[in-house]
């Protein structure tokens, strides 16, 4: 896979870093000249993935979240959010709308659904005790579309 440009960074699993992740992704993607709607969609999907890592992956424990954003040929954006937290035993069930492991924290269980609706492709790989990797892709529209 040819990579035109890439940014990688690691951040502590703190809720405050959800906003930092959105800001970094936005700044990086400006070079691809996305529409306002595309940028908003991507920012929201990244925010959901990072929130899942903070709230569910580490469950109030400290850890790191790795974020990778790549600009690929044909205006394709690749994003990977990885944690080394508790992992997900049943990914298929976790991706069901309204499923949450934290109802006491008033979580809606829509994180994966939001990611799926805003991105072209979503893949979640996880195993208990091994963490979770969320990979997303979105092809930006051509100029003038």
Protein backbone atom coordinates (compact mmCIF):
# COMPACT_ATOMS: atom_id res chain seq x y z
CA UNK A 1 0.00 0.00 0.00
CA UNK A 2 1.47 3.32 -1.07
CA UNK A 3 1.36 5.95 1.67
CA UNK A 4 1.41 9.58 0.52
CA UNK A 5 1.68 10.96 4.03
CA UNK A 6 1.26 9.63 7.54
CA UNK A 7 1.09 10.80 11.12
CA UNK A 8 1.34 8.59 14.20
CA UNK A 9 1.08 9.53 17.81
CA UNK A 10 0.46 7.99 21.18
CA UNK A 11 -1.61 9.62 23.90
CA UNK A 12 -2.59 8.66 27.44
CA UNK A 13 -6.08 7.20 27.83
CA UNK A 14 -7.63 10.38 29.22
CA UNK A 15 -11.01 11.77 28.16
CA UNK A 16 -9.45 15.17 27.53
CA UNK A 17 -7.38 13.62 24.73
CA UNK A 18 -10.51 12.87 22.68
CA UNK A 19 -10.50 16.54 21.65
CA UNK A 20 -6.77 16.48 21.01
CA UNK A 21 -7.20 13.49 18.68
CA UNK A 22 -9.91 15.33 16.71
CA UNK A 23 -7.71 18.41 16.42
CA UNK A 24 -4.66 16.49 15.23
CA UNK A 25 -6.67 14.54 12.67
CA UNK A 26 -8.31 17.73 11.39
CA UNK A 27 -5.00 19.52 11.02
CA UNK A 28 -3.43 16.57 9.22
CA UNK A 29 -6.35 16.12 6.81
CA UNK A 30 -6.45 19.75 5.69
CA UNK A 31 -3.81 18.83 3.08
CA UNK A 32 -6.35 16.48 1.43
CA UNK A 33 -8.86 19.34 1.09
CA UNK A 34 -11.91 17.45 2.42
CA UNK A 35 -15.36 18.99 2.42
CA UNK A 36 -16.59 20.37 5.73
CA UNK A 37 -19.00 17.42 5.99
CA UNK A 38 -16.26 14.86 5.30
CA UNK A 39 -14.00 16.43 7.90
CA UNK A 40 -16.83 16.47 10.43
CA UNK A 41 -17.63 12.80 9.73
CA UNK A 42 -14.01 11.74 10.16
CA UNK A 43 -13.56 13.80 13.33
CA UNK A 44 -16.69 12.22 14.82
CA UNK A 45 -15.59 8.67 13.93
CA UNK A 46 -12.15 9.28 15.47
CA UNK A 47 -13.73 10.75 18.59
CA UNK A 48 -15.95 7.67 18.98
CA UNK A 49 -13.01 5.28 18.54
CA UNK A 50 -10.86 7.15 21.06
CA UNK A 51 -13.78 7.40 23.50
CA UNK A 52 -14.31 3.63 23.26
CA UNK A 53 -10.63 3.05 24.07
CA UNK A 54 -10.75 5.40 27.07
CA UNK A 55 -14.08 4.25 28.52
CA UNK A 56 -14.20 0.57 27.59
CA UNK A 57 -10.65 -0.42 26.69
CA UNK A 58 -9.00 0.76 29.86
CA UNK A 59 -12.01 1.06 32.20
CA UNK A 60 -10.58 3.78 34.41
CA UNK A 61 -7.05 2.36 34.26
CA UNK A 62 -4.13 4.14 32.67
CA UNK A 63 -2.82 3.10 29.32
CA UNK A 64 -1.91 4.46 25.91
CA UNK A 65 -3.91 4.90 22.74
CA UNK A 66 -2.07 4.83 19.42
CA UNK A 67 -3.53 6.84 16.55
CA UNK A 68 -2.33 6.48 12.96
CA UNK A 69 -3.71 8.54 10.07
CA UNK A 70 -2.60 7.94 6.49
CA UNK A 71 -3.32 9.71 3.25
CA UNK A 72 -3.42 7.08 0.50
CA UNK A 73 -3.75 7.41 -3.28
CA UNK A 74 -7.17 8.21 -4.76
CA UNK A 75 -8.07 10.47 -1.82
CA UNK A 76 -8.45 7.58 0.60
CA UNK A 77 -8.03 8.28 4.31
CA UNK A 78 -6.91 5.40 6.56
CA UNK A 79 -7.25 5.68 10.33
CA UNK A 80 -6.21 3.19 13.00
CA UNK A 81 -6.96 3.56 16.72
CA UNK A 82 -5.28 0.93 18.89
CA UNK A 83 -5.31 0.27 22.60
CA UNK A 84 -3.79 -2.47 24.73
CA UNK A 85 -6.65 -2.54 27.18
CA UNK A 86 -9.02 -5.29 28.26
CA UNK A 87 -10.17 -6.22 24.75
CA UNK A 88 -13.59 -7.29 23.52
CA UNK A 89 -14.78 -10.88 23.93
CA UNK A 90 -17.56 -10.67 21.32
CA UNK A 91 -16.86 -8.00 18.69
CA UNK A 92 -20.00 -8.81 16.70
CA UNK A 93 -22.21 -8.23 19.73
CA UNK A 94 -20.28 -5.10 20.72
CA UNK A 95 -21.02 -3.65 17.29
CA UNK A 96 -24.78 -4.03 17.75
CA UNK A 97 -26.54 -0.67 18.14
CA UNK A 98 -27.30 0.19 21.78
CA UNK A 99 -24.98 -2.48 23.23
CA UNK A 100 -22.80 -1.05 25.99
CA UNK A 101 -20.63 -2.41 28.75
CA UNK A 102 -21.04 0.80 30.76
CA UNK A 103 -24.79 1.53 31.17
CA UNK A 104 -24.15 3.02 34.61
CA UNK A 105 -22.13 5.75 32.89
CA UNK A 106 -25.06 6.56 30.60
CA UNK A 107 -23.26 5.34 27.49
CA UNK A 108 -25.57 4.97 24.48
CA UNK A 109 -23.90 2.00 22.82
CA UNK A 110 -23.80 3.74 19.45
CA UNK A 111 -20.05 4.27 19.02
CA UNK A 112 -19.46 1.55 16.43
CA UNK A 113 -22.72 2.42 14.65
CA UNK A 114 -21.61 6.04 14.36
CA UNK A 115 -18.22 4.97 13.00
CA UNK A 116 -19.90 2.70 10.44
CA UNK A 117 -22.27 5.42 9.28
CA UNK A 118 -19.55 8.04 8.78
CA UNK A 119 -16.80 5.91 7.26
CA UNK A 120 -16.74 3.71 4.14
CA UNK A 121 -15.11 0.76 5.90
CA UNK A 122 -14.78 -0.22 9.54
CA UNK A 123 -12.92 -3.19 10.94
CA UNK A 124 -12.58 -4.07 14.61
CA UNK A 125 -10.09 -6.65 15.82
CA UNK A 126 -9.92 -7.54 19.47
CA UNK A 127 -9.29 -10.29 21.97
CA UNK A 128 -9.74 -10.35 25.75
CA UNK A 129 -6.58 -9.14 27.46
CA UNK A 130 -4.96 -8.11 24.17
CA UNK A 131 -6.61 -4.80 23.39
CA UNK A 132 -8.57 -3.54 20.42
CA UNK A 133 -7.65 -2.17 17.01
CA UNK A 134 -10.21 -0.14 15.07
CA UNK A 135 -9.37 0.48 11.41
CA UNK A 136 -11.42 2.89 9.30
CA UNK A 137 -11.26 4.08 5.70
CA UNK A 138 -13.01 6.85 3.86
CA UNK A 139 -12.60 7.99 0.28
CA UNK A 140 -12.93 11.73 -0.02
CA UNK A 141 -15.00 13.12 -2.84
CA UNK A 142 -13.27 14.52 -5.89
CA UNK A 143 -13.16 18.28 -6.08
CA UNK A 144 -16.44 19.59 -7.38
CA UNK A 145 -18.46 16.47 -6.54
